[in-house]
Protein backbone atom coordinates (compact mmCIF):
# COMPACT_ATOMS: atom_id res chain seq x y z
CA MET A 1 -54.46 38.04 6.60
CA THR A 2 -57.01 35.81 4.65
CA LYS A 3 -57.13 32.02 5.19
CA LYS A 4 -56.03 31.60 1.47
CA PHE A 5 -52.96 33.69 2.12
CA ILE A 6 -52.04 31.78 5.36
CA ARG A 7 -52.32 28.55 3.51
CA THR A 8 -50.25 29.74 0.53
CA ALA A 9 -47.58 31.01 2.92
CA ALA A 10 -47.56 27.75 4.84
CA LEU A 11 -47.30 25.69 1.60
CA ALA A 12 -44.43 27.94 0.42
CA LEU A 13 -42.65 27.56 3.80
CA LEU A 14 -43.01 23.75 3.56
CA ALA A 15 -41.73 23.70 -0.05
CA ALA A 16 -38.78 25.74 0.98
CA THR A 17 -38.02 23.48 3.85
CA SER A 18 -38.27 20.39 1.74
CA ALA A 19 -35.90 21.93 -0.86
CA LEU A 20 -33.40 22.60 1.88
CA ALA A 21 -33.63 19.16 3.17
CA LEU A 22 -32.85 17.81 -0.30
CA GLN A 23 -29.64 19.94 -0.59
CA PRO A 24 -26.35 18.44 0.59
CA VAL A 25 -25.41 19.87 3.94
CA LYS A 26 -21.91 21.03 4.16
CA ALA A 27 -20.39 19.86 7.49
CA ALA A 28 -18.89 22.47 9.75
CA THR A 29 -15.03 22.20 9.44
CA ASP A 30 -14.23 21.17 12.99
CA ALA A 31 -12.08 18.27 14.08
CA ALA A 32 -15.01 15.84 14.44
CA ALA A 33 -16.21 16.59 10.82
CA VAL A 34 -12.62 16.17 9.49
CA VAL A 35 -12.00 12.87 11.25
CA LYS A 36 -15.43 11.47 10.19
CA HIS A 37 -14.60 12.33 6.48
CA TYR A 38 -11.03 10.81 6.82
CA ALA A 39 -12.72 7.60 7.96
CA ALA A 40 -15.24 7.70 5.03
CA ILE A 41 -12.42 8.02 2.57
CA ALA A 42 -10.63 5.23 4.17
CA HIS A 43 -13.66 3.09 3.66
CA ALA A 44 -13.90 4.02 0.03
CA LYS A 45 -10.14 3.28 -0.57
CA TYR A 46 -10.30 -0.11 0.96
CA GLU A 47 -13.45 -0.84 -1.01
CA ASP A 48 -11.51 0.04 -4.13
CA ALA A 49 -8.54 -2.13 -3.01
CA LEU A 50 -11.00 -5.05 -2.46
CA THR A 51 -12.66 -4.59 -5.81
CA THR A 52 -9.37 -4.77 -7.70
CA ALA A 53 -8.29 -7.71 -5.52
CA GLU A 54 -11.47 -9.50 -6.43
CA ALA A 55 -10.67 -8.81 -10.21
CA LEU A 56 -7.13 -10.11 -9.53
CA ASP A 57 -8.57 -13.30 -8.02
CA LYS A 58 -10.74 -13.92 -11.12
CA ALA A 59 -7.83 -13.44 -13.38
CA VAL A 60 -5.85 -15.96 -11.48
CA ASP A 61 -8.70 -18.31 -11.76
CA ALA A 62 -8.43 -17.86 -15.64
CA LEU A 63 -4.78 -18.40 -15.60
CA ILE A 64 -4.95 -21.57 -13.69
CA ALA A 65 -7.75 -22.95 -15.86
CA ASN A 66 -5.87 -22.13 -19.00
CA PRO A 67 -2.23 -21.26 -18.53
CA SER A 68 -1.03 -19.06 -21.59
CA GLU A 69 0.95 -15.93 -22.24
CA GLU A 70 -2.50 -14.13 -22.52
CA THR A 71 -3.95 -15.29 -19.19
CA LEU A 72 -0.59 -14.67 -17.38
CA LYS A 73 -0.43 -11.08 -18.90
CA ALA A 74 -3.98 -10.48 -17.75
CA ALA A 75 -3.27 -11.71 -14.19
CA ARG A 76 -0.18 -9.45 -14.04
CA GLU A 77 -2.09 -6.47 -15.30
CA ALA A 78 -4.82 -7.20 -12.71
CA TRP A 79 -2.15 -7.20 -9.94
CA LEU A 80 -0.78 -3.89 -11.20
CA LYS A 81 -4.26 -2.29 -11.10
CA ALA A 82 -4.78 -3.67 -7.67
CA ARG A 83 -1.70 -2.05 -6.28
CA ASN A 84 -2.75 1.54 -6.88
CA PRO A 85 -5.81 1.90 -4.56
CA TYR A 86 -4.00 -0.20 -1.96
CA GLN A 87 -0.91 2.01 -1.94
CA GLU A 88 -3.13 5.01 -1.27
CA THR A 89 -4.41 3.49 1.94
CA GLU A 90 -0.99 3.16 3.38
CA VAL A 91 -1.31 6.61 4.99
CA TYR A 92 -3.66 4.97 7.42
CA ARG A 93 -0.90 3.19 8.95
CA PHE A 94 1.14 4.25 11.98
CA GLY A 95 -1.72 6.34 13.51
CA ASN A 96 -4.33 3.65 13.41
CA ALA A 97 -3.29 0.56 15.43
CA ILE A 98 -5.94 -1.68 13.72
CA VAL A 99 -4.26 -1.01 10.33
CA ASP A 100 -0.67 -1.34 11.62
CA GLU A 101 -1.49 -4.73 13.22
CA TRP A 102 -3.10 -5.93 9.93
CA GLU A 103 -0.72 -4.50 7.34
CA GLY A 104 1.86 -7.21 7.45
CA LYS A 105 -0.64 -9.73 6.17
CA VAL A 106 -0.99 -7.99 2.91
CA ASN A 107 2.12 -5.75 2.20
CA ALA A 108 5.09 -7.12 4.13
CA TRP A 109 8.38 -7.03 2.23
CA PRO A 110 11.13 -7.78 1.42
CA LEU A 111 10.51 -11.58 1.40
CA ASP A 112 12.83 -14.52 1.12
CA GLU A 113 11.14 -16.06 -1.93
CA GLY A 114 12.94 -19.36 -1.44
CA LEU A 115 10.44 -20.15 1.30
CA ILE A 116 7.75 -20.29 -1.38
CA ASP A 117 9.10 -21.67 -4.63
CA TYR A 118 12.24 -22.60 -6.64
CA VAL A 119 14.93 -19.94 -7.02
CA ASP A 120 18.00 -19.40 -9.12
CA ALA A 121 21.33 -20.82 -7.94
CA SER A 122 22.58 -17.33 -7.46
CA TYR A 123 20.10 -16.86 -4.52
CA GLY A 124 22.18 -19.22 -2.41
CA THR A 125 21.36 -22.32 -0.49
CA GLU A 126 21.32 -21.18 3.26
CA SER A 127 21.10 -18.31 5.41
CA ASP A 128 22.57 -17.73 8.98
CA GLU A 129 19.44 -15.63 9.73
CA ASN A 130 16.62 -17.83 8.27
CA ALA A 131 16.39 -21.64 8.58
CA LEU A 132 13.61 -21.60 5.96
CA PHE A 133 15.52 -19.62 3.39
CA VAL A 134 15.14 -22.26 0.62
CA SER A 135 12.34 -24.37 2.08
CA ASN A 136 10.39 -24.23 -1.00
CA VAL A 137 6.99 -25.17 0.20
CA ILE A 138 5.53 -25.70 -3.24
CA ALA A 139 8.10 -28.50 -3.82
CA ASN A 140 7.84 -29.97 -0.27
CA LYS A 141 4.74 -31.50 1.28
CA THR A 142 6.54 -31.54 4.57
CA ILE A 143 8.80 -28.77 5.85
CA LYS A 144 10.51 -28.30 9.23
CA ILE A 145 9.76 -25.25 11.35
CA ASP A 146 11.54 -24.71 14.67
CA GLY A 147 12.77 -28.28 14.48
CA LYS A 148 9.41 -29.82 14.01
CA ASP A 149 7.93 -31.43 10.90
CA VAL A 150 4.88 -29.50 9.51
CA ASP A 151 2.42 -31.04 7.15
CA ALA A 152 2.15 -28.80 3.99
CA ALA A 153 0.45 -31.44 1.78
CA ASN A 154 -2.57 -29.19 1.32
CA ILE A 155 -1.78 -25.66 0.33
CA THR A 156 -4.63 -23.57 1.87
CA PRO A 157 -5.07 -19.86 2.94
CA GLU A 158 -4.88 -21.23 6.53
CA LEU A 159 -1.45 -22.84 5.81
CA LEU A 160 -0.16 -19.62 4.40
CA SER A 161 -1.43 -17.28 7.10
CA GLU A 162 -1.27 -19.47 10.29
CA THR A 163 1.88 -21.52 9.53
CA LEU A 164 4.14 -20.09 6.98
CA GLN A 165 3.64 -16.25 7.48
CA GLU A 166 6.67 -15.12 9.58
CA ALA A 167 7.40 -18.80 10.40
CA GLY A 168 10.03 -19.19 12.98
CA GLY A 169 9.60 -15.56 13.98
CA ILE A 170 11.43 -14.26 10.87
CA GLU A 171 9.98 -11.22 9.18
CA ALA A 172 11.45 -12.14 5.85
CA ASN A 173 9.33 -15.35 5.76
CA VAL A 174 6.56 -13.50 3.90
CA ALA A 175 4.01 -16.13 2.65
CA THR A 176 0.94 -13.85 2.04
CA GLY A 177 -0.06 -10.65 0.50
CA TYR A 178 0.65 -8.62 -2.68
CA HIS A 179 4.35 -9.55 -2.84
CA ALA A 180 3.96 -13.24 -2.48
CA ILE A 181 1.48 -13.09 -5.28
CA GLU A 182 3.84 -10.86 -7.31
CA PHE A 183 6.59 -13.29 -6.99
CA LEU A 184 4.38 -16.09 -8.18
CA LEU A 185 3.11 -14.11 -11.31
CA TRP A 186 6.54 -12.73 -12.23
CA GLY A 187 9.25 -14.92 -10.70
CA GLN A 188 12.56 -13.63 -9.60
CA ASP A 189 13.97 -10.54 -11.33
CA LEU A 190 17.56 -11.77 -12.27
CA ASN A 191 18.49 -8.74 -14.24
CA GLY A 192 20.27 -6.82 -11.42
CA THR A 193 20.45 -3.17 -12.51
CA GLY A 194 20.01 -4.29 -16.15
CA PRO A 195 16.60 -3.86 -18.03
CA GLY A 196 13.83 -6.37 -17.37
CA ALA A 197 11.62 -7.65 -14.72
CA GLY A 198 10.76 -11.31 -13.51
CA ASN A 199 9.89 -13.59 -16.41
CA ARG A 200 8.09 -16.58 -15.15
CA ALA A 201 6.65 -18.77 -17.95
CA PRO A 202 2.90 -19.52 -17.92
CA THR A 203 3.88 -23.21 -18.13
CA ASP A 204 4.89 -22.98 -14.53
CA PHE A 205 1.09 -23.35 -13.93
CA ASP A 206 0.32 -25.84 -16.60
CA THR A 207 -0.12 -29.33 -15.27
CA GLN A 208 -0.09 -30.82 -18.75
CA ALA A 209 3.07 -29.17 -19.88
CA CYS A 210 4.64 -28.39 -16.59
CA THR A 211 7.89 -26.39 -16.23
CA ASN A 212 10.02 -26.43 -13.11
CA GLY A 213 7.82 -29.13 -11.44
CA ASN A 214 4.93 -28.96 -9.05
CA CYS A 215 2.66 -26.95 -11.29
CA ASP A 216 -0.45 -28.05 -9.35
CA ARG A 217 0.96 -27.04 -6.06
CA ARG A 218 2.25 -23.62 -7.55
CA ALA A 219 -1.41 -23.04 -8.86
CA ALA A 220 -2.83 -24.02 -5.45
CA TYR A 221 -0.45 -21.63 -3.64
CA LEU A 222 -1.32 -18.65 -6.03
CA LYS A 223 -5.06 -19.30 -5.66
CA ALA A 224 -4.71 -19.59 -1.86
CA ALA A 225 -2.76 -16.25 -1.74
CA THR A 226 -5.18 -14.28 -3.83
CA SER A 227 -8.24 -15.70 -1.90
CA LEU A 228 -6.55 -14.71 1.33
CA LEU A 229 -5.85 -11.22 0.01
CA VAL A 230 -9.59 -10.79 -0.80
CA SER A 231 -10.46 -12.14 2.66
CA ASP A 232 -7.98 -9.79 4.51
CA LEU A 233 -9.28 -6.77 2.54
CA LYS A 234 -12.83 -7.62 3.37
CA ASP A 235 -11.92 -7.42 7.00
CA MET A 236 -10.38 -3.94 6.62
CA VAL A 237 -13.45 -2.67 4.59
CA ALA A 238 -15.56 -3.84 7.62
CA ASN A 239 -13.27 -2.00 10.02
CA TRP A 240 -13.67 1.24 8.13
CA ALA A 241 -17.42 0.97 7.72
CA PRO A 242 -19.45 3.70 9.57
CA GLU A 243 -19.81 1.29 12.65
CA GLY A 244 -16.64 -0.48 12.13
CA ASP A 245 -13.84 -0.77 14.83
CA ALA A 246 -11.27 1.45 13.00
CA THR A 247 -13.84 4.12 12.33
CA LYS A 248 -15.13 4.17 15.97
CA ALA A 249 -11.62 4.24 17.27
CA VAL A 250 -10.61 7.21 15.21
CA GLU A 251 -13.75 9.08 15.83
CA ALA A 252 -13.88 8.52 19.55
CA ASP A 253 -11.63 11.56 20.22
CA PRO A 254 -11.50 14.04 17.42
CA LYS A 255 -8.21 15.52 18.67
CA ALA A 256 -6.64 12.06 18.86
CA GLY A 257 -8.19 11.40 15.34
CA LEU A 258 -6.27 14.52 13.89
CA ALA A 259 -3.07 13.12 15.60
CA ALA A 260 -3.73 9.84 13.83
CA ILE A 261 -3.98 11.57 10.41
CA LEU A 262 -0.73 13.50 10.95
CA THR A 263 1.02 10.58 12.38
CA GLY A 264 0.32 8.55 9.32
CA MET A 265 1.28 11.43 6.97
CA GLY A 266 4.56 12.20 8.65
CA SER A 267 5.75 8.65 9.39
CA LEU A 268 4.99 7.30 5.91
CA SER A 269 6.64 10.37 4.39
CA TYR A 270 9.72 10.23 6.42
CA GLY A 271 10.83 6.94 7.97
CA GLU A 272 8.97 4.49 5.89
CA LEU A 273 8.85 5.81 2.33
CA ALA A 274 11.71 8.30 2.12
CA GLY A 275 13.88 6.17 4.49
CA GLU A 276 13.34 2.41 4.45
CA ARG A 277 11.89 2.03 0.93
CA MET A 278 13.88 4.67 -0.99
CA LYS A 279 17.08 5.97 0.68
CA LEU A 280 18.21 2.57 1.84
CA GLY A 281 18.26 1.32 -1.65
CA LEU A 282 19.83 4.36 -2.99
CA LEU A 283 22.69 4.24 -0.42
CA LEU A 284 23.31 0.48 -1.23
CA HIS A 285 22.57 0.89 -4.93
CA ASP A 286 20.87 -2.56 -4.47
CA PRO A 287 18.16 -3.50 -6.86
CA GLU A 288 16.73 -5.94 -4.32
CA GLU A 289 15.88 -2.94 -2.13
CA GLU A 290 12.85 -1.97 -4.06
CA HIS A 291 9.29 -2.31 -3.05
CA ASP A 292 7.84 -4.18 -6.06
CA CYS A 293 11.12 -5.91 -6.97
CA PHE A 294 9.69 -8.82 -9.10
CA SER A 295 7.34 -6.72 -11.29
CA ASP A 296 9.35 -3.48 -11.59
CA ASN A 297 6.39 -1.59 -10.45
CA THR A 298 8.13 0.29 -7.56
CA HIS A 299 7.86 3.77 -9.16
CA ASN A 300 4.05 3.32 -9.33
CA SER A 301 3.71 2.14 -5.78
CA HIS A 302 5.82 5.16 -4.50
CA LEU A 303 3.82 7.53 -6.54
CA HIS A 304 0.32 6.38 -5.08
CA ASP A 305 1.79 6.35 -1.54
CA ALA A 306 2.44 10.01 -2.12
CA ILE A 307 -0.94 10.64 -3.61
CA GLY A 308 -2.44 8.97 -0.62
CA ILE A 309 -0.52 11.19 1.76
CA GLN A 310 -1.79 14.24 -0.06
CA SER A 311 -5.35 12.91 0.00
CA ALA A 312 -5.27 12.61 3.81
CA TYR A 313 -4.60 16.40 4.01
CA THR A 314 -6.93 17.61 1.29
CA GLY A 315 -9.69 15.38 1.98
CA GLU A 316 -10.05 14.47 -1.73
CA TYR A 317 -10.04 11.13 -3.39
CA THR A 318 -11.03 9.84 -6.92
CA ARG A 319 -12.40 6.42 -6.83
CA ILE A 320 -11.60 3.70 -9.45
CA ASP A 321 -15.02 4.30 -10.99
CA GLY A 322 -14.05 7.96 -11.39
CA THR A 323 -16.32 9.27 -8.58
CA ARG A 324 -14.64 12.17 -6.81
CA LEU A 325 -14.97 12.44 -2.99
CA ALA A 326 -14.36 15.63 -1.11
CA GLY A 327 -15.34 16.93 2.28
CA PRO A 328 -14.15 18.52 5.52
CA ALA A 329 -10.42 18.56 5.35
CA LEU A 330 -7.41 18.87 7.66
CA SER A 331 -6.35 21.64 5.24
CA GLU A 332 -9.24 23.73 6.24
CA LEU A 333 -8.56 23.40 9.93
CA VAL A 334 -4.88 24.48 9.40
CA ALA A 335 -5.86 27.33 7.19
CA ALA A 336 -8.14 28.60 10.00
CA GLN A 337 -5.12 28.63 12.31
CA ASP A 338 -2.41 29.68 9.94
CA ALA A 339 -3.23 30.40 6.19
CA ALA A 340 0.38 30.53 5.25
CA LEU A 341 1.21 27.14 6.68
CA ASP A 342 -1.72 25.57 5.04
CA LYS A 343 -0.40 26.90 1.66
CA GLU A 344 3.08 25.58 2.48
CA MET A 345 1.79 22.13 3.38
CA LYS A 346 -0.34 21.93 0.19
CA GLY A 347 2.64 23.13 -1.79
CA LYS A 348 5.01 20.62 -0.36
CA LEU A 349 2.59 17.77 -0.94
CA ALA A 350 1.95 18.79 -4.56
CA ALA A 351 5.82 19.27 -5.11
CA THR A 352 6.50 15.65 -3.88
CA VAL A 353 3.70 14.22 -6.13
CA GLU A 354 5.18 16.02 -9.07
CA LYS A 355 8.63 14.62 -8.35
CA MET A 356 7.20 11.20 -7.93
CA GLN A 357 5.38 11.65 -11.42
CA ALA A 358 8.77 12.63 -12.88
CA MET A 359 10.26 9.44 -11.37
CA ALA A 360 7.37 7.38 -12.80
CA LYS A 361 7.67 8.98 -16.23
CA ARG A 362 11.36 8.09 -16.29
CA ALA A 363 10.51 4.49 -15.31
CA GLU A 364 8.14 4.23 -18.18
CA THR A 365 10.20 5.91 -20.80
CA VAL A 366 13.98 5.53 -19.82
CA GLU A 367 14.66 2.84 -17.11
CA ALA A 368 13.13 0.95 -14.25
CA TYR A 369 13.34 2.13 -10.73
CA ASP A 370 15.93 -0.70 -9.90
CA GLN A 371 18.16 0.80 -12.65
CA MET A 372 17.65 4.36 -11.35
CA ILE A 373 19.16 3.35 -7.98
CA GLY A 374 22.16 1.59 -9.54
CA GLU A 375 25.68 2.67 -8.80
CA GLY A 376 27.13 5.19 -11.22
CA ASN A 377 23.70 6.30 -12.59
CA ALA A 378 23.90 9.96 -11.81
CA GLU A 379 20.67 11.03 -13.39
CA GLY A 380 18.61 8.16 -12.18
CA ASN A 381 20.11 8.62 -8.69
CA ALA A 382 19.09 12.22 -8.76
CA THR A 383 15.60 11.59 -9.92
CA VAL A 384 15.02 9.32 -6.90
CA GLN A 385 16.88 11.66 -4.53
CA ALA A 386 14.51 14.56 -5.55
CA ALA A 387 11.59 12.56 -4.66
CA ILE A 388 13.19 11.60 -1.30
CA ASP A 389 13.96 15.28 -0.64
CA GLY A 390 10.38 16.15 -1.36
CA LEU A 391 9.25 13.53 1.25
CA ILE A 392 11.47 14.86 3.85
CA ALA A 393 10.59 18.51 3.29
CA GLN A 394 6.73 17.63 3.60
CA ALA A 395 7.51 15.63 6.75
CA LYS A 396 8.99 18.69 8.36
CA THR A 397 6.06 20.74 7.57
CA VAL A 398 3.78 17.98 9.00
CA GLU A 399 5.68 18.54 12.28
CA ARG A 400 4.83 22.24 12.05
CA VAL A 401 1.17 21.45 11.51
CA ILE A 402 1.13 19.33 14.48
CA ALA A 403 2.50 22.17 16.64
CA ALA A 404 0.05 24.60 15.13
CA LEU A 405 -2.99 22.47 15.92
CA ASP A 406 -1.54 21.90 19.52
CA LEU A 407 -1.81 18.12 19.28
CA GLY A 408 1.08 17.51 21.76
CA GLN A 409 4.17 15.29 21.30
CA ILE A 410 3.75 12.97 18.35
CA GLU A 411 6.70 10.83 17.44
CA LEU A 412 7.14 10.11 13.76
CA GLU A 413 8.79 7.04 12.30
CA GLY A 414 12.52 7.45 11.83
CA SER A 415 15.03 5.55 9.66
CA ASP A 416 18.71 4.89 9.90
CA SER A 417 19.02 5.55 6.26
CA LEU A 418 18.19 9.19 6.88
CA ASP A 419 19.09 9.65 10.60
CA ASN A 420 22.35 7.55 10.84
CA PRO A 421 23.44 6.46 7.25
CA ASN A 422 26.73 4.96 8.52
CA ALA A 423 24.76 2.36 10.37
CA VAL A 424 23.47 1.00 7.11
CA PHE A 425 26.97 -0.16 6.07
CA GLN A 426 27.92 -1.78 9.37
């Protein structure tokens, strides 16, 4: 072999090696790769939730600077856009302690809105369960918590998160997060099972032409709540960064990581979404038992929860900028064990999303979700029940996947609404 040929062959080998190095390497579909990709998608989803929350914060600034129908509408639209990516992160609850301990800061519901602001006379004036039922911190610079006077003169993120959130140990005292902001942007929905959402006037934030009093403090509360939402989401983005605490926790033991994925999928499907968020309201025919009750956006939040559950299994996510993420998926692991079971799981997830989409279409063309669950509305009730049935069916298949992967005993969230409906009426 001549020196020229040796040199040419060496250069060819080097070029081939360089070309290979530039190609994306497909990770082996094992538990560690699946969990790593699951964490990467979590990071992307929380980044998208943060980006849309920052846009909401800017829209709130514009509303406060110039209260008008236009700026209020823009702030509401920003809130609606912010809900979608956040709802798709909810599948990270239940299996990940860091998320579950944090979630109440941003998405706790239902809330006793009388803690925050003025309410209609039909709301009532007292509650045996909540001494702060109508404390109205916006109208009062001092409020009493656990028998002690609390200074609320300055409405700050710290006042909301450290003093008012779950004040007195009452979960209904929700002072922070998406739903507190929603209430401030829309106001109470006083339509019952009739058409229409909340209808707060922009002048509620107008210090020059103020309606319902305390417009400066209402604006301060809204700004504090949106700033706090941004801050809380930044914390969760950091938690799911490659070296973040949530990522390290879920990747530490790949088998436990798979259990976390399936715990989130099953618990959100069954006890939380099918049970507490949907079946309870359908049993009671109560328009107050809907997730986004001030804005009439409940159908959309439920749909994006279902999309998030599907994403956790398929390993696919489309970001708000249109970028599509895909990688080693739980689906591939299941298919390697039992191809028929994987097909069943994907089919159940797709069927639920389809039923949720049908519910969302009805909400946009016929009637809102709170009307669908109203008493005597056979078609609306059936549309919601179909989505509930889909969630229950996919949760049962999740249990079979847990068994197929030999992940041991995993307890999924239950709900009296599904497991013991009579208790709901007691």
